Protein backbone atom coordinates (compact mmCIF):
# COMPACT_ATOMS: atom_id res chain seq x y z
CA UNK A 1 113.86 135.43 82.72
CA UNK A 2 111.05 133.14 82.06
CA UNK A 3 108.17 132.33 84.89
CA UNK A 4 107.77 128.62 85.47
CA UNK A 5 104.67 126.98 84.32
CA UNK A 6 103.03 125.32 87.25
CA UNK A 7 100.15 122.91 86.11
CA UNK A 8 97.56 121.51 88.05
CA UNK A 9 95.44 118.80 86.22
CA UNK A 10 93.02 115.80 86.88
CA UNK A 11 94.63 112.20 87.55
CA UNK A 12 92.89 110.40 84.74
CA UNK A 13 93.72 109.87 80.77
CA UNK A 14 92.56 113.11 79.92
CA UNK A 15 94.07 115.18 82.93
CA UNK A 16 97.50 113.42 82.39
CA UNK A 17 97.67 113.92 78.46
CA UNK A 18 96.72 117.68 79.18
CA UNK A 19 100.13 117.58 80.95
CA UNK A 20 101.81 115.95 77.83
CA UNK A 21 100.19 118.76 76.11
CA UNK A 22 101.73 121.40 78.02
CA UNK A 23 104.80 119.99 78.50
CA UNK A 24 105.06 119.76 74.84
CA UNK A 25 104.74 123.56 74.66
CA UNK A 26 107.73 124.08 76.89
CA UNK A 27 109.80 121.79 74.76
CA UNK A 28 108.75 123.63 71.63
CA UNK A 29 109.36 126.96 72.93
CA UNK A 30 112.56 126.04 74.53
CA UNK A 31 114.08 124.40 70.85
CA UNK A 32 113.08 127.85 69.49
CA UNK A 33 115.15 129.54 71.98
CA UNK A 34 118.17 127.38 71.87
CA UNK A 35 120.40 125.46 69.16
CA UNK A 36 120.28 121.79 68.94
CA UNK A 37 123.56 121.61 70.44
CA UNK A 38 122.70 123.27 73.70
CA UNK A 39 119.23 122.45 74.35
CA UNK A 40 118.59 120.55 77.19
CA UNK A 41 115.58 118.53 78.37
CA UNK A 42 112.66 120.62 80.52
CA UNK A 43 113.67 120.96 84.46
CA UNK A 44 111.14 120.94 86.81
CA UNK A 45 112.38 124.66 87.17
CA UNK A 46 110.64 125.35 84.02
CA UNK A 47 107.47 123.41 83.90
CA UNK A 48 105.74 120.87 86.46
CA UNK A 49 102.73 119.16 86.63
CA UNK A 50 100.57 117.80 89.47
CA UNK A 51 97.82 115.58 89.40
CA UNK A 52 95.13 115.83 91.92
CA UNK A 53 91.46 115.15 92.48
CA UNK A 54 88.46 117.56 93.22
CA UNK A 55 88.89 117.16 96.64
CA UNK A 56 92.43 118.58 96.69
CA UNK A 57 92.54 121.17 94.23
CA UNK A 58 91.11 123.58 95.89
CA UNK A 59 93.34 123.21 98.93
CA UNK A 60 96.56 123.28 96.51
CA UNK A 61 95.52 126.33 94.92
CA UNK A 62 95.01 128.05 97.90
CA UNK A 63 98.55 127.05 99.45
CA UNK A 64 99.55 128.51 96.20
CA UNK A 65 98.10 131.58 96.58
CA UNK A 66 99.48 131.73 100.44
CA UNK A 67 102.57 131.03 99.45
CA UNK A 68 102.74 133.72 96.73
CA UNK A 69 103.93 131.36 93.95
CA UNK A 70 102.27 133.80 91.32
CA UNK A 71 105.39 136.14 91.73
CA UNK A 72 107.55 133.49 90.02
CA UNK A 73 105.17 130.92 88.49
CA UNK A 74 102.31 131.11 85.93
CA UNK A 75 99.75 128.74 86.47
CA UNK A 76 97.61 126.44 84.27
CA UNK A 77 94.39 124.32 85.46
CA UNK A 78 92.96 122.03 83.43
CA UNK A 79 90.62 119.12 83.15
CA UNK A 80 89.32 119.93 86.91
CA UNK A 81 87.81 122.83 88.59
CA UNK A 82 87.66 125.01 91.47
CA UNK A 83 85.11 126.60 94.11
CA UNK A 84 84.05 130.24 93.68
CA UNK A 85 86.01 131.33 97.03
CA UNK A 86 89.21 130.24 95.30
CA UNK A 87 88.26 131.53 92.03
CA UNK A 88 87.40 135.07 93.36
CA UNK A 89 90.91 134.74 95.11
CA UNK A 90 92.89 134.09 91.86
CA UNK A 91 90.94 136.82 90.21
CA UNK A 92 92.13 139.24 92.62
CA UNK A 93 95.85 138.32 91.92
CA UNK A 94 95.00 139.40 88.15
CA UNK A 95 93.49 142.65 89.12
CA UNK A 96 96.14 143.18 91.02
CA UNK A 97 98.61 142.90 88.17
CA UNK A 98 97.54 142.10 84.93
CA UNK A 99 100.95 140.66 83.63
CA UNK A 100 100.12 137.75 85.82
CA UNK A 101 99.00 134.28 83.78
CA UNK A 102 96.97 132.14 85.12
CA UNK A 103 94.46 130.05 82.97
CA UNK A 104 91.77 127.47 83.51
CA UNK A 105 90.48 125.03 80.93
CA UNK A 106 87.92 122.88 81.60
CA UNK A 107 84.74 120.99 79.73
CA UNK A 108 82.41 119.55 82.78
CA UNK A 109 78.74 121.38 83.25
CA UNK A 110 79.67 121.90 87.00
CA UNK A 111 82.46 124.40 86.29
CA UNK A 112 80.75 126.23 83.62
CA UNK A 113 80.08 129.24 86.58
CA UNK A 114 83.79 129.88 85.89
CA UNK A 115 83.29 131.53 82.28
CA UNK A 116 82.67 134.77 84.12
CA UNK A 117 86.38 134.74 84.84
CA UNK A 118 88.31 136.24 81.56
CA UNK A 119 91.18 133.68 82.84
CA UNK A 120 88.64 130.72 82.98
CA UNK A 121 87.23 128.51 79.56
CA UNK A 122 84.84 125.98 80.30
CA UNK A 123 83.22 124.28 77.07
CA UNK A 124 80.74 121.84 77.75
CA UNK A 125 80.38 119.23 74.68
CA UNK A 126 80.55 115.73 73.85
CA UNK A 127 83.22 116.62 70.88
CA UNK A 128 85.86 118.06 73.34
CA UNK A 129 88.00 117.32 76.59
CA UNK A 130 90.83 119.10 78.91
CA UNK A 131 93.27 117.72 76.20
CA UNK A 132 91.92 119.11 73.05
CA UNK A 133 91.13 122.64 75.01
CA UNK A 134 95.11 122.61 76.06
CA UNK A 135 95.92 121.75 72.65
CA UNK A 136 93.80 124.21 71.21
CA UNK A 137 94.83 127.11 73.77
CA UNK A 138 98.73 126.48 73.39
CA UNK A 139 99.19 125.34 70.08
CA UNK A 140 97.68 127.63 66.95
CA UNK A 141 98.21 124.50 64.70
CA UNK A 142 98.67 121.37 65.20
CA UNK A 143 100.52 118.48 63.25
CA UNK A 144 98.95 115.50 61.87
CA UNK A 145 100.29 112.94 65.03
CA UNK A 146 99.29 115.72 67.88
CA UNK A 147 95.97 116.00 66.37
CA UNK A 148 95.46 112.10 66.10
CA UNK A 149 96.51 111.96 69.51
CA UNK A 150 94.26 114.73 70.93
CA UNK A 151 91.46 112.90 68.78
CA UNK A 152 91.96 109.55 70.80
CA UNK A 153 91.68 111.04 73.97
CA UNK A 154 88.53 113.00 73.10
CA UNK A 155 87.05 109.59 72.18
CA UNK A 156 87.75 108.14 75.26
CA UNK A 157 86.87 110.62 77.57
CA UNK A 158 83.63 110.93 75.90
CA UNK A 159 82.63 107.05 75.36
CA UNK A 160 83.05 107.37 72.02
CA UNK A 161 85.53 105.16 71.09
CA UNK A 162 85.75 101.53 69.57
CA UNK A 163 85.12 99.36 72.49
CA UNK A 164 87.79 97.08 70.72
CA UNK A 165 90.88 96.34 73.45
CA UNK A 166 93.43 97.29 70.81
CA UNK A 167 91.88 100.68 69.80
CA UNK A 168 94.40 103.51 70.09
CA UNK A 169 91.77 105.08 73.05
CA UNK A 170 91.80 101.95 75.22
CA UNK A 171 95.88 101.61 74.62
CA UNK A 172 96.26 105.28 75.36
CA UNK A 173 94.22 104.53 78.75
CA UNK A 174 95.55 101.53 79.73
CA UNK A 175 99.14 102.99 79.28
CA UNK A 176 98.31 105.77 81.42
CA UNK A 177 97.37 103.48 84.62
CA UNK A 178 100.43 100.94 84.12
CA UNK A 179 103.14 103.60 84.26
CA UNK A 180 103.29 106.88 86.26
CA UNK A 181 102.06 110.19 85.26
CA UNK A 182 105.28 111.44 84.65
CA UNK A 183 106.51 108.18 82.19
CA UNK A 184 103.60 108.61 80.31
CA UNK A 185 103.98 112.31 79.67
CA UNK A 186 107.68 111.43 78.64
CA UNK A 187 106.48 108.58 76.15
CA UNK A 188 103.44 110.97 74.60
CA UNK A 189 105.78 113.46 74.19
CA UNK A 190 108.84 111.42 72.49
CA UNK A 191 106.30 110.31 69.82
CA UNK A 192 105.05 113.43 69.46
CA UNK A 193 108.34 115.72 68.73
CA UNK A 194 109.62 112.72 66.33
CA UNK A 195 106.93 113.67 64.05
CA UNK A 196 107.99 110.76 61.82
CA UNK A 197 104.08 109.78 61.53
CA UNK A 198 100.63 111.03 61.08
CA UNK A 199 99.01 108.61 63.06
CA UNK A 200 99.87 108.52 66.56
CA UNK A 201 100.50 105.04 67.74
CA UNK A 202 101.99 103.14 70.74
CA UNK A 203 104.94 100.61 69.69
CA UNK A 204 104.48 97.05 71.57
CA UNK A 205 107.66 96.95 72.63
CA UNK A 206 106.45 100.25 74.88
CA UNK A 207 103.52 98.66 75.89
CA UNK A 208 105.59 95.25 77.02
CA UNK A 209 107.90 97.53 79.04
CA UNK A 210 105.25 99.26 80.82
CA UNK A 211 103.50 96.05 81.80
CA UNK A 212 107.12 94.59 82.70
CA UNK A 213 107.49 97.86 85.09
CA UNK A 214 103.95 97.64 86.81
CA UNK A 215 104.50 94.09 87.30
CA UNK A 216 108.00 94.76 89.05
CA UNK A 217 106.52 97.76 90.93
CA UNK A 218 103.52 95.47 92.31
CA UNK A 219 105.94 92.65 93.15
CA UNK A 220 108.19 95.33 95.06
CA UNK A 221 105.02 96.52 96.97
CA UNK A 222 104.02 92.98 97.90
CA UNK A 223 107.43 92.08 98.96
CA UNK A 224 107.35 95.29 101.42
CA UNK A 225 104.23 94.88 102.64
CA UNK A 226 104.84 90.62 103.36
CA UNK A 227 108.14 92.39 105.20
CA UNK A 228 105.68 94.33 107.58
CA UNK A 229 103.20 91.69 108.99
CA UNK A 230 102.94 90.93 112.43
CA UNK A 231 101.68 87.78 113.75
CA UNK A 232 98.39 87.35 115.90
CA UNK A 233 96.91 84.30 117.73
CA UNK A 234 93.47 83.53 116.48
CA UNK A 235 92.64 80.52 118.70
CA UNK A 236 94.13 77.41 117.33
CA UNK A 237 95.68 79.80 114.11
CA UNK A 238 98.30 82.01 113.98
CA UNK A 239 97.27 85.32 111.50
CA UNK A 240 99.97 87.14 109.53
CA UNK A 241 98.00 90.56 109.67
CA UNK A 242 99.18 93.82 107.67
CA UNK A 243 97.79 96.80 106.29
CA UNK A 244 97.80 97.38 102.38
CA UNK A 245 95.58 99.25 99.96
CA UNK A 246 96.77 97.71 97.02
CA UNK A 247 97.64 94.73 94.87
CA UNK A 248 95.54 92.84 98.15
CA UNK A 249 95.40 89.44 96.21
CA UNK A 250 99.15 89.72 95.34
CA UNK A 251 99.91 90.76 98.48
CA UNK A 252 98.04 88.28 100.30
CA UNK A 253 99.93 85.17 98.29
CA UNK A 254 103.26 86.89 99.08
CA UNK A 255 102.47 86.53 102.69
CA UNK A 256 101.27 82.66 102.42
CA UNK A 257 104.66 82.10 100.63
CA UNK A 258 106.84 83.96 102.70
CA UNK A 259 105.56 82.56 106.11
CA UNK A 260 104.85 79.02 105.21
CA UNK A 261 104.81 77.06 108.43
CA UNK A 262 104.49 80.17 110.73
CA UNK A 263 101.08 81.58 109.58
CA UNK A 264 97.53 79.78 108.99
CA UNK A 265 95.96 82.29 107.02
CA UNK A 266 97.00 86.22 106.35
CA UNK A 267 94.62 89.14 106.90
CA UNK A 268 95.17 92.26 104.99
CA UNK A 269 93.52 95.23 106.43
CA UNK A 270 92.63 98.22 104.07
CA UNK A 271 91.71 101.19 106.14
CA UNK A 272 90.53 103.23 103.49
CA UNK A 273 87.78 101.21 102.22
CA UNK A 274 86.90 99.42 105.59
CA UNK A 275 87.73 95.81 104.30
CA UNK A 276 89.49 92.59 105.90
CA UNK A 277 90.86 90.71 103.15
CA UNK A 278 91.72 87.06 104.19
CA UNK A 279 94.10 84.72 102.16
CA UNK A 280 94.77 80.84 103.36
CA UNK A 281 97.28 78.13 102.50
CA UNK A 282 97.27 74.50 103.26
CA UNK A 283 96.51 74.75 106.89
CA UNK A 284 94.16 77.84 107.15
CA UNK A 285 90.37 77.08 108.20
CA UNK A 286 87.42 77.84 105.55
CA UNK A 287 87.87 81.47 105.61
CA UNK A 288 84.51 82.12 104.06
CA UNK A 289 82.95 79.96 105.70
CA UNK A 290 84.35 80.32 109.28
CA UNK A 291 86.00 84.09 109.55
CA UNK A 292 84.23 86.10 106.96
CA UNK A 293 80.58 85.08 106.55
CA UNK A 294 80.18 85.39 110.32
CA UNK A 295 81.21 89.00 110.15
CA UNK A 296 78.44 89.46 107.27
CA UNK A 297 81.24 88.68 104.50
CA UNK A 298 81.61 86.27 102.32
CA UNK A 299 83.95 84.27 99.73
CA UNK A 300 86.01 81.34 99.11
CA UNK A 301 87.58 78.78 101.08
CA UNK A 302 91.04 80.20 100.95
CA UNK A 303 90.05 83.99 99.94
CA UNK A 304 87.28 85.75 101.62
CA UNK A 305 86.90 89.46 102.64
CA UNK A 306 84.53 91.27 104.86
CA UNK A 307 83.60 94.72 106.22
CA UNK A 308 85.37 96.14 108.92
CA UNK A 309 82.88 96.37 112.14
CA UNK A 310 84.77 98.28 115.31
CA UNK A 311 82.21 96.32 117.52
CA UNK A 312 83.96 93.04 116.13
CA UNK A 313 86.59 92.34 119.13
CA UNK A 314 88.45 89.82 116.73
CA UNK A 315 89.10 92.78 113.97
CA UNK A 316 89.92 95.44 116.24
CA UNK A 317 92.41 93.41 118.21
CA UNK A 318 94.23 92.89 114.53
CA UNK A 319 93.85 96.53 114.02
CA UNK A 320 95.33 97.38 117.61
CA UNK A 321 98.15 94.99 117.24
CA UNK A 322 99.12 96.74 113.85
CA UNK A 323 98.72 100.16 115.01
CA UNK A 324 101.11 99.13 118.29
CA UNK A 325 103.59 97.45 115.86
CA UNK A 326 103.21 94.03 118.51
């Protein structure tokens, strides 16, 4: 039975594009094994990508080792590196059984020390990227449309692309952040599998649908956050307070819209970057001058922000009331 391919990769365009290349490889391998009428799409039992940052990669890899996933899975790590302690653990796994498959492909200078391991390839150059290394490792030859895609990602990742908003590298990056990673991977692979063109391109319809999908998700998030609001008294004013980390302007406007007449302004608390964002309506005070500026912040009359200071009684009251849900 073929082992599942577990893929840990970075969250940016280059990292996500690595997953598109890796899944394409699994698709091609599967298409060669099955006749067209018997072929089914790749399942999570065959390939699964996980996207992560540098502060989570070592934890993820060590958990994969601790759970002995290497007995049923091959591991691919792309566009991100691990520390030496974790690398030593992976190396020991391979030394115990040479049939186990672990591969790391990276292009960052901070990962060059990993080249001492046979299973790691770190190539530092302004003409390469994780996606290019992944393609070169998995495919001996690339059809023109695949080469075109890899070239665009390489150009973007090395800041060598045309700054035109509509250039392919820029469009790919926009698409990567408009849709979730799994959808991006599927969109790219659908185009690559068709192979009906030499140059990789994104149709306007795909971009329109991606934008529409993103707007729908943002609106749903704002609506959900508006439903979590609690109302706190601030002198003569009623304040709608909520925790949120994304689309803060949209969330604030939705709160003002939904609570028209019930609140005077909204306070959106972003604990991840320790800020309070204020949004006002017709009855609000001057949020920039009266609320934000005394706390070291600033802004406009209807939109302002300031950094959280836990010595500020007003802010701590808002946070405590939210935590208590009252």
